[in-house]
Protein backbone atom coordinates (compact mmCIF):
# COMPACT_ATOMS: atom_id res chain seq x y z
CA MET A 1 -47.25 12.35 20.22
CA LYS A 2 -48.61 9.29 21.70
CA SER A 3 -45.83 7.26 23.36
CA SER A 4 -46.08 3.45 24.33
CA SER A 5 -43.57 0.84 24.89
CA THR A 6 -42.97 -2.95 24.21
CA GLN A 7 -40.07 -5.43 24.21
CA VAL A 8 -40.32 -5.87 20.59
CA ALA A 9 -41.48 -3.81 17.71
CA ILE A 10 -42.33 -5.75 14.51
CA ILE A 11 -42.66 -3.97 11.12
CA GLY A 12 -44.90 -5.60 9.00
CA ALA A 13 -47.96 -8.10 9.44
CA GLY A 14 -47.26 -10.51 6.84
CA PRO A 15 -46.54 -14.32 7.64
CA ALA A 16 -43.10 -13.30 8.95
CA GLY A 17 -44.13 -10.74 11.31
CA LEU A 18 -47.06 -12.47 12.45
CA LEU A 19 -45.09 -15.73 13.08
CA LEU A 20 -42.51 -13.95 14.84
CA GLY A 21 -45.01 -12.29 17.28
CA ALA A 22 -46.54 -15.87 17.81
CA LEU A 23 -43.27 -17.39 18.61
CA LEU A 24 -42.17 -14.65 20.96
CA ALA A 25 -45.78 -14.76 22.61
CA LYS A 26 -44.95 -18.36 23.45
CA ALA A 27 -41.71 -17.32 24.93
CA GLY A 28 -43.21 -14.81 27.17
CA ILE A 29 -42.09 -11.85 25.17
CA GLU A 30 -44.08 -8.79 24.43
CA SER A 31 -44.45 -7.65 20.76
CA VAL A 32 -46.32 -5.03 18.87
CA ILE A 33 -46.98 -5.35 15.21
CA VAL A 34 -47.11 -2.15 13.09
CA GLU A 35 -48.70 -2.65 9.55
CA GLN A 36 -48.80 -0.02 7.16
CA ARG A 37 -51.81 -1.87 5.27
CA SER A 38 -55.37 -3.08 6.11
CA PRO A 39 -56.01 -6.51 7.25
CA GLU A 40 -58.06 -7.26 4.11
CA TYR A 41 -55.02 -5.96 1.66
CA VAL A 42 -52.48 -8.32 3.57
CA LEU A 43 -54.76 -11.13 3.19
CA GLY A 44 -55.46 -10.38 -0.55
CA ARG A 45 -52.01 -10.84 -1.66
CA ILE A 46 -51.88 -14.00 -3.79
CA ARG A 47 -48.66 -16.02 -3.13
CA ALA A 48 -47.42 -19.73 -3.16
CA GLY A 49 -47.79 -22.23 -0.53
CA VAL A 50 -45.42 -25.18 -0.52
CA LEU A 51 -44.24 -25.51 3.08
CA GLU A 52 -41.02 -27.18 4.10
CA GLN A 53 -41.34 -29.59 7.33
CA VAL A 54 -39.17 -26.64 9.07
CA THR A 55 -41.98 -24.14 8.31
CA VAL A 56 -44.75 -26.66 9.60
CA ASP A 57 -42.66 -27.35 12.88
CA LEU A 58 -42.49 -23.43 13.60
CA LEU A 59 -46.28 -22.91 13.05
CA GLU A 60 -46.79 -26.05 15.13
CA ALA A 61 -44.65 -24.34 17.89
CA ALA A 62 -46.71 -21.22 17.38
CA GLY A 63 -49.93 -22.90 17.81
CA ALA A 64 -51.17 -22.22 14.38
CA ALA A 65 -50.95 -25.42 12.70
CA ALA A 66 -54.40 -27.09 13.45
CA ARG A 67 -56.10 -26.14 10.30
CA LEU A 68 -52.89 -26.68 8.35
CA HIS A 69 -52.96 -30.23 9.29
CA ALA A 70 -56.75 -30.60 8.48
CA GLU A 71 -56.68 -28.93 5.04
CA GLY A 72 -53.22 -29.09 4.05
CA LEU A 73 -52.06 -31.61 1.19
CA PRO A 74 -48.86 -33.48 2.29
CA HIS A 75 -46.63 -34.28 -0.68
CA GLU A 76 -43.96 -36.92 -0.95
CA GLY A 77 -42.79 -36.25 -4.60
CA VAL A 78 -42.71 -33.90 -7.49
CA GLU A 79 -42.60 -34.46 -11.14
CA LEU A 80 -40.41 -33.25 -13.58
CA CYS A 81 -41.55 -33.11 -17.12
CA PHE A 82 -39.16 -32.87 -20.31
CA GLY A 83 -39.04 -34.74 -23.52
CA GLY A 84 -42.68 -35.44 -23.61
CA ALA A 85 -42.54 -37.28 -20.39
CA ARG A 86 -42.93 -37.04 -16.72
CA HIS A 87 -40.58 -38.26 -14.22
CA ARG A 88 -41.31 -38.72 -10.42
CA ILE A 89 -38.51 -37.63 -7.74
CA ASP A 90 -39.58 -39.57 -4.49
CA MET A 91 -38.75 -37.18 -2.06
CA HIS A 92 -40.03 -39.09 0.89
CA ARG A 93 -37.85 -42.02 0.19
CA LEU A 94 -34.71 -39.95 -0.97
CA THR A 95 -34.77 -37.86 2.22
CA GLY A 96 -35.63 -40.57 5.15
CA GLY A 97 -39.49 -39.80 5.36
CA LYS A 98 -39.57 -35.99 4.82
CA ARG A 99 -42.28 -34.25 2.64
CA VAL A 100 -43.64 -30.76 1.97
CA THR A 101 -47.25 -29.65 2.36
CA VAL A 102 -49.25 -27.71 -0.03
CA TYR A 103 -51.03 -24.96 2.24
CA GLY A 104 -51.58 -21.53 0.75
CA GLN A 105 -49.69 -18.33 2.01
CA THR A 106 -52.64 -16.54 2.63
CA GLU A 107 -54.20 -19.46 4.78
CA VAL A 108 -51.01 -19.37 6.99
CA THR A 109 -51.49 -15.35 7.42
CA ARG A 110 -55.12 -16.07 8.04
CA ASP A 111 -54.33 -18.68 10.70
CA LEU A 112 -51.69 -16.32 12.25
CA MET A 113 -53.99 -13.39 12.37
CA VAL A 114 -56.61 -15.36 14.18
CA LEU A 115 -54.25 -16.65 16.66
CA ARG A 116 -53.14 -13.12 17.27
CA ALA A 117 -56.42 -11.69 17.76
CA ALA A 118 -57.66 -14.55 20.05
CA ALA A 119 -54.61 -14.17 22.19
CA GLY A 120 -55.66 -9.84 22.40
CA LEU A 121 -52.04 -9.30 21.19
CA ALA A 122 -51.49 -5.81 19.63
CA THR A 123 -51.25 -5.05 16.03
CA VAL A 124 -51.56 -1.79 14.49
CA TYR A 125 -53.09 -1.76 10.77
CA ASP A 126 -53.45 1.28 8.48
CA ALA A 127 -50.19 2.81 10.00
CA ALA A 128 -48.96 5.84 7.99
CA ASP A 129 -45.47 6.97 7.89
CA VAL A 130 -43.79 4.19 9.38
CA ARG A 131 -40.14 4.65 10.37
CA PRO A 132 -37.41 2.90 12.85
CA HIS A 133 -35.61 5.35 14.65
CA GLY A 134 -32.72 5.12 17.24
CA PHE A 135 -31.73 1.12 16.24
CA ASP A 136 -27.93 2.10 16.36
CA GLY A 137 -28.28 3.17 20.09
CA ALA A 138 -29.88 1.37 23.01
CA ARG A 139 -33.27 3.15 22.82
CA PRO A 140 -34.93 2.32 19.61
CA SER A 141 -38.22 3.16 18.44
CA VAL A 142 -41.06 2.94 15.62
CA ARG A 143 -42.81 6.13 14.83
CA PHE A 144 -46.02 6.06 12.90
CA ARG A 145 -49.39 8.00 12.37
CA LYS A 146 -52.51 6.27 13.10
CA ASP A 147 -55.83 8.14 12.56
CA GLY A 148 -54.08 11.42 12.30
CA THR A 149 -52.15 10.78 15.86
CA GLU A 150 -48.44 10.48 15.90
CA HIS A 151 -47.13 7.70 17.86
CA GLU A 152 -43.89 6.49 19.16
CA LEU A 153 -43.65 2.77 20.29
CA HIS A 154 -40.26 2.44 22.33
CA CYS A 155 -38.95 -1.08 22.37
CA ASP A 156 -35.68 -3.12 23.31
CA PHE A 157 -35.28 -4.46 19.41
CA ILE A 158 -37.03 -3.76 16.03
CA ALA A 159 -37.72 -6.77 13.62
CA GLY A 160 -38.03 -5.85 10.06
CA CYS A 161 -40.46 -8.04 8.42
CA ASP A 162 -42.04 -5.67 6.03
CA GLY A 163 -40.77 -7.03 2.66
CA TYR A 164 -38.75 -6.08 -0.30
CA HIS A 165 -40.32 -2.54 -0.67
CA GLY A 166 -40.52 -2.02 3.23
CA ILE A 167 -38.92 1.03 5.34
CA SER A 168 -36.80 -1.32 7.52
CA ARG A 169 -34.16 -2.06 5.10
CA GLN A 170 -34.47 1.55 3.31
CA SER A 171 -33.71 3.13 6.83
CA VAL A 172 -30.25 1.40 6.93
CA PRO A 173 -27.47 3.60 5.81
CA GLU A 174 -26.29 2.40 1.87
CA SER A 175 -22.67 2.19 3.37
CA ALA A 176 -23.61 -0.51 5.90
CA LEU A 177 -25.32 -2.51 3.48
CA GLU A 178 -24.03 -4.88 0.60
CA THR A 179 -26.73 -5.97 -1.65
CA PHE A 180 -26.49 -8.93 -4.44
CA GLU A 181 -28.89 -9.47 -7.23
CA ARG A 182 -29.77 -11.51 -10.30
CA VAL A 183 -32.67 -10.20 -12.70
CA TYR A 184 -34.16 -12.92 -14.83
CA PRO A 185 -35.04 -11.95 -18.35
CA PHE A 186 -38.44 -13.51 -18.08
CA GLY A 187 -41.69 -13.61 -15.76
CA TRP A 188 -44.41 -15.99 -14.91
CA LEU A 189 -47.75 -15.61 -16.08
CA GLY A 190 -49.94 -17.30 -13.08
CA VAL A 191 -53.64 -18.15 -13.31
CA LEU A 192 -55.81 -19.21 -10.27
CA SER A 193 -59.16 -21.34 -11.25
CA GLU A 194 -61.62 -23.41 -9.44
CA THR A 195 -60.65 -26.62 -11.18
CA PRO A 196 -58.96 -29.77 -10.03
CA PRO A 197 -55.36 -29.84 -10.12
CA VAL A 198 -54.33 -31.98 -13.27
CA SER A 199 -51.93 -34.09 -10.68
CA HIS A 200 -51.99 -34.91 -7.29
CA GLU A 201 -48.34 -33.68 -7.08
CA LEU A 202 -46.44 -30.50 -8.73
CA ILE A 203 -45.39 -30.94 -12.19
CA TYR A 204 -42.51 -28.92 -13.42
CA SER A 205 -42.09 -28.77 -17.14
CA ASN A 206 -39.02 -28.05 -19.30
CA HIS A 207 -40.30 -27.23 -22.87
CA GLU A 208 -38.97 -25.81 -25.97
CA ARG A 209 -41.81 -23.10 -25.78
CA GLY A 210 -40.98 -22.34 -21.96
CA PHE A 211 -41.18 -23.54 -18.48
CA ALA A 212 -44.68 -24.40 -17.07
CA LEU A 213 -45.50 -25.28 -13.61
CA CYS A 214 -49.05 -27.06 -12.41
CA SER A 215 -49.46 -26.38 -8.89
CA MET A 216 -52.68 -26.15 -6.60
CA ARG A 217 -54.26 -24.81 -3.40
CA SER A 218 -56.49 -27.54 -2.64
CA THR A 219 -58.11 -30.37 -4.37
CA THR A 220 -60.69 -28.19 -6.06
CA ARG A 221 -58.30 -24.85 -6.46
CA SER A 222 -55.41 -25.08 -9.06
CA ARG A 223 -52.62 -22.66 -9.73
CA TYR A 224 -50.67 -22.79 -13.01
CA TYR A 225 -47.82 -20.84 -14.36
CA VAL A 226 -46.07 -20.29 -17.84
CA GLN A 227 -42.89 -18.45 -18.51
CA CYS A 228 -43.57 -15.36 -20.63
CA PRO A 229 -41.43 -12.26 -21.67
CA LEU A 230 -41.22 -9.43 -19.10
CA ASP A 231 -42.87 -6.92 -21.27
CA ASP A 232 -46.04 -9.28 -21.62
CA LYS A 233 -49.46 -7.64 -20.22
CA VAL A 234 -51.81 -9.55 -18.54
CA GLU A 235 -54.53 -8.09 -20.82
CA SER A 236 -52.99 -9.85 -23.75
CA TRP A 237 -54.06 -13.18 -22.55
CA SER A 238 -57.32 -14.41 -22.52
CA ASP A 239 -58.08 -17.75 -20.45
CA ASP A 240 -58.18 -19.72 -23.71
CA ALA A 241 -54.98 -18.47 -24.75
CA PHE A 242 -53.28 -19.19 -21.39
CA TRP A 243 -54.78 -22.64 -21.29
CA GLY A 244 -53.91 -23.61 -24.89
CA GLU A 245 -50.19 -22.40 -23.81
CA LEU A 246 -49.95 -24.56 -20.89
CA ARG A 247 -51.33 -27.67 -22.50
CA ALA A 248 -48.79 -27.15 -25.30
CA ARG A 249 -45.91 -27.20 -22.63
CA LEU A 250 -47.14 -30.57 -20.91
CA ASP A 251 -46.71 -33.98 -21.72
CA PRO A 252 -49.62 -35.51 -23.69
CA ALA A 253 -51.36 -37.41 -20.63
CA ALA A 254 -51.41 -34.23 -18.46
CA ALA A 255 -52.45 -32.17 -21.44
CA GLU A 256 -55.32 -34.56 -21.92
CA ALA A 257 -56.29 -34.60 -18.32
CA LEU A 258 -56.11 -30.71 -17.87
CA VAL A 259 -59.50 -29.22 -16.57
CA THR A 260 -60.01 -25.65 -17.56
CA GLY A 261 -62.15 -22.87 -16.28
CA PRO A 262 -62.49 -19.36 -15.73
CA SER A 263 -59.48 -17.88 -13.95
CA ILE A 264 -60.37 -16.02 -10.76
CA GLU A 265 -56.84 -14.19 -10.47
CA LYS A 266 -54.27 -13.94 -13.23
CA SER A 267 -50.99 -11.75 -12.76
CA ILE A 268 -47.40 -11.57 -14.11
CA ALA A 269 -44.53 -11.83 -11.71
CA PRO A 270 -40.93 -10.96 -12.52
CA LEU A 271 -38.24 -13.19 -11.09
CA ARG A 272 -35.22 -12.17 -9.18
CA SER A 273 -32.73 -13.30 -6.60
CA PHE A 274 -31.73 -10.61 -4.08
CA VAL A 275 -29.81 -10.90 -0.65
CA ALA A 276 -28.76 -8.04 1.50
CA GLU A 277 -25.86 -8.42 3.90
CA PRO A 278 -25.71 -8.21 7.21
CA MET A 279 -29.14 -8.83 8.54
CA ARG A 280 -28.65 -7.20 11.52
CA PHE A 281 -27.97 -3.46 12.15
CA GLY A 282 -27.53 -2.73 15.84
CA ARG A 283 -31.23 -3.40 17.56
CA LEU A 284 -32.78 -3.89 14.03
CA PHE A 285 -33.02 -7.18 12.44
CA LEU A 286 -34.31 -7.78 8.95
CA ALA A 287 -36.07 -11.10 8.29
CA GLY A 288 -37.80 -12.41 5.07
CA ASP A 289 -38.29 -10.53 1.88
CA ALA A 290 -36.85 -7.62 3.59
CA ALA A 291 -33.41 -9.16 3.47
CA HIS A 292 -33.62 -11.54 0.41
CA ILE A 293 -35.97 -12.64 -2.70
CA VAL A 294 -35.79 -16.00 -4.39
CA PRO A 295 -37.35 -16.71 -7.69
CA PRO A 296 -40.36 -18.89 -7.08
CA THR A 297 -39.12 -22.11 -8.87
CA GLY A 298 -37.71 -23.77 -5.81
CA ALA A 299 -40.68 -22.53 -3.37
CA LYS A 300 -38.41 -21.08 -0.66
CA GLY A 301 -39.52 -17.60 -0.36
CA LEU A 302 -42.13 -17.92 2.60
CA ASN A 303 -39.85 -20.99 4.24
CA LEU A 304 -36.66 -18.69 4.23
CA ALA A 305 -38.89 -16.05 6.07
CA ALA A 306 -39.89 -18.81 8.56
CA GLY A 307 -36.47 -19.92 9.16
CA ASP A 308 -35.25 -16.11 9.92
CA VAL A 309 -38.01 -15.57 12.55
CA GLY A 310 -37.48 -18.90 13.90
CA LEU A 311 -33.73 -18.38 14.44
CA LEU A 312 -34.58 -14.70 15.54
CA SER A 313 -37.28 -15.69 18.16
CA ARG A 314 -34.48 -18.20 19.82
CA ALA A 315 -31.94 -15.48 19.65
CA LEU A 316 -34.42 -13.13 21.69
CA ALA A 317 -35.61 -16.02 23.90
CA GLU A 318 -31.92 -16.26 24.89
CA HIS A 319 -31.44 -12.66 25.42
CA TYR A 320 -34.61 -12.20 27.90
CA SER A 321 -34.36 -15.82 29.64
CA GLU A 322 -30.83 -16.59 29.63
CA LYS A 323 -29.14 -12.97 29.41
CA SER A 324 -27.08 -14.13 26.57
CA ASP A 325 -26.57 -12.28 23.31
CA ALA A 326 -24.75 -15.07 21.59
CA GLY A 327 -27.83 -15.88 19.32
CA ILE A 328 -28.34 -12.36 18.45
CA ASP A 329 -24.77 -11.60 17.64
CA SER A 330 -24.84 -14.80 15.34
CA TYR A 331 -28.28 -14.26 14.02
CA SER A 332 -27.06 -12.63 10.34
CA GLU A 333 -24.32 -15.37 9.92
CA ARG A 334 -26.73 -18.16 10.67
CA CYS A 335 -29.36 -16.90 8.59
CA LEU A 336 -27.22 -16.01 5.67
CA ARG A 337 -25.49 -19.36 5.55
CA ARG A 338 -29.10 -21.04 5.03
CA VAL A 339 -30.36 -18.10 2.83
CA TRP A 340 -27.36 -18.48 0.28
CA ARG A 341 -27.74 -22.36 0.20
CA ALA A 342 -31.61 -21.47 -0.73
CA GLU A 343 -30.73 -18.93 -3.48
CA ARG A 344 -27.96 -21.53 -4.91
CA PHE A 345 -30.73 -24.12 -5.14
CA SER A 346 -33.23 -21.65 -6.39
CA TRP A 347 -30.99 -20.31 -9.02
CA TRP A 348 -29.83 -23.64 -10.29
CA PHE A 349 -33.57 -25.00 -10.48
CA THR A 350 -34.51 -22.00 -12.33
CA SER A 351 -31.63 -22.26 -14.71
CA LEU A 352 -32.42 -25.78 -15.27
CA MET A 353 -36.01 -25.69 -16.19
CA HIS A 354 -36.36 -22.26 -18.07
CA LYS A 355 -35.75 -21.24 -21.76
CA PHE A 356 -33.33 -18.09 -21.58
CA PRO A 357 -32.92 -15.84 -24.40
CA ASP A 358 -29.41 -17.02 -25.29
CA THR A 359 -30.00 -20.57 -24.30
CA GLY A 360 -29.67 -22.11 -28.04
CA GLY A 361 -29.58 -25.37 -29.34
CA PHE A 362 -26.55 -26.20 -27.49
CA GLY A 363 -27.92 -24.93 -24.08
CA GLN A 364 -31.09 -26.63 -24.69
CA ARG A 365 -29.23 -29.95 -25.08
CA ILE A 366 -27.16 -29.18 -21.82
CA GLN A 367 -30.48 -28.76 -20.15
CA ARG A 368 -32.05 -32.09 -21.29
CA ALA A 369 -28.61 -34.02 -20.64
CA GLU A 370 -28.90 -32.47 -16.85
CA LEU A 371 -32.52 -33.33 -16.26
CA ASP A 372 -31.75 -36.89 -17.74
CA TYR A 373 -29.19 -37.46 -15.60
CA LEU A 374 -30.95 -35.87 -12.59
CA VAL A 375 -33.79 -38.49 -13.08
CA HIS A 376 -31.59 -41.40 -13.66
CA SER A 377 -28.94 -40.55 -10.80
CA GLU A 378 -29.79 -41.67 -7.36
CA ALA A 379 -27.36 -39.11 -6.06
CA ALA A 380 -28.48 -36.24 -8.20
CA SER A 381 -32.00 -36.98 -7.27
CA THR A 382 -31.42 -37.17 -3.74
CA ALA A 383 -29.67 -33.65 -3.80
CA LEU A 384 -32.87 -32.18 -5.42
CA ALA A 385 -34.91 -33.58 -2.77
CA GLU A 386 -33.01 -32.71 -0.02
CA ASN A 387 -33.18 -28.98 -1.04
CA TYR A 388 -36.80 -29.29 -2.01
CA VAL A 389 -37.92 -30.47 1.20
CA GLY A 390 -35.88 -27.75 2.90
CA LEU A 391 -32.63 -27.80 4.80
CA PRO A 392 -32.42 -28.02 8.52
CA LEU A 393 -32.82 -24.56 10.47
CA GLU A 394 -29.52 -25.27 11.89
CA SER A 395 -26.87 -27.14 9.86
């Protein structure tokens, strides 16, 4: 077995792991990232890309925000569509100047990969049988197999940034974990197309046929979604069928302005809320999807992951530079407070905008009444705006 060492071993080279590595490097802390997939596979994941200001700030601190600022699309508002009309929530005004930035998660990952490679920092891709060891003691390590050779990476701490299905959370004894989950009775059928967005801001639509979302990746690439049954198959949806269903769920002006074209990616994603508590187990820390999942309605997934690693990088910097473990000891509590607020918002927004099997006529009227109140009440609009642009990292 080949042995090596580092200060922090990071499992997972998605945006959470890469951002953590970049922030640690800025603090003078050595890390090695171990990823079971290839770089091409990691970059091939199609994900959302609405970035809160906190996430943008962390990317700036990591030195990975130049292309984001050059190509990202700042959004100061969002539109809610119901009853055949759209209503704009002016997030910028309601939050004292805050906004979100539309910039694809794939591009965030690419920028962080390029940054790490340029700095000559160690990343092991295509690592097989990755598993953390000894994190309940003083000498943790990560073992894996690369090109037929067994490796053991000794470290001070392990950061599990390997997602919902990753080995990090699976390695924690079940007796040490408490999990909370809500599985929603529908999915999102998503289409990516090389077409200009129907609107310069996102449109969230509540319709009797089901939810729809009009989003974008750039001024020439659009991302659209329609709510669909969980047992639907992508193969059952032709491009024409998708565009027809999307158009039916929009207001007349948006339906008329919609530019359609061949899909370049089409998929169905289930929706769930999930939280694992705590997020620290000795010298193992969970971050991002390894610890929590939110439905995509509130665009919180990547942003919560960024917040986790932002707090973790600060805690580790305090440990090494100030010889203080206060940040490490409070990591889980601080993260979970922010996570549950985002879970609440994502659950509420999902419940408000989607058609549930048991909604019925009464439920639809309640949704409509709440939406009407939301767009006509300054207080309600402000609450939506504050949560949508993102709560502070420490609050």
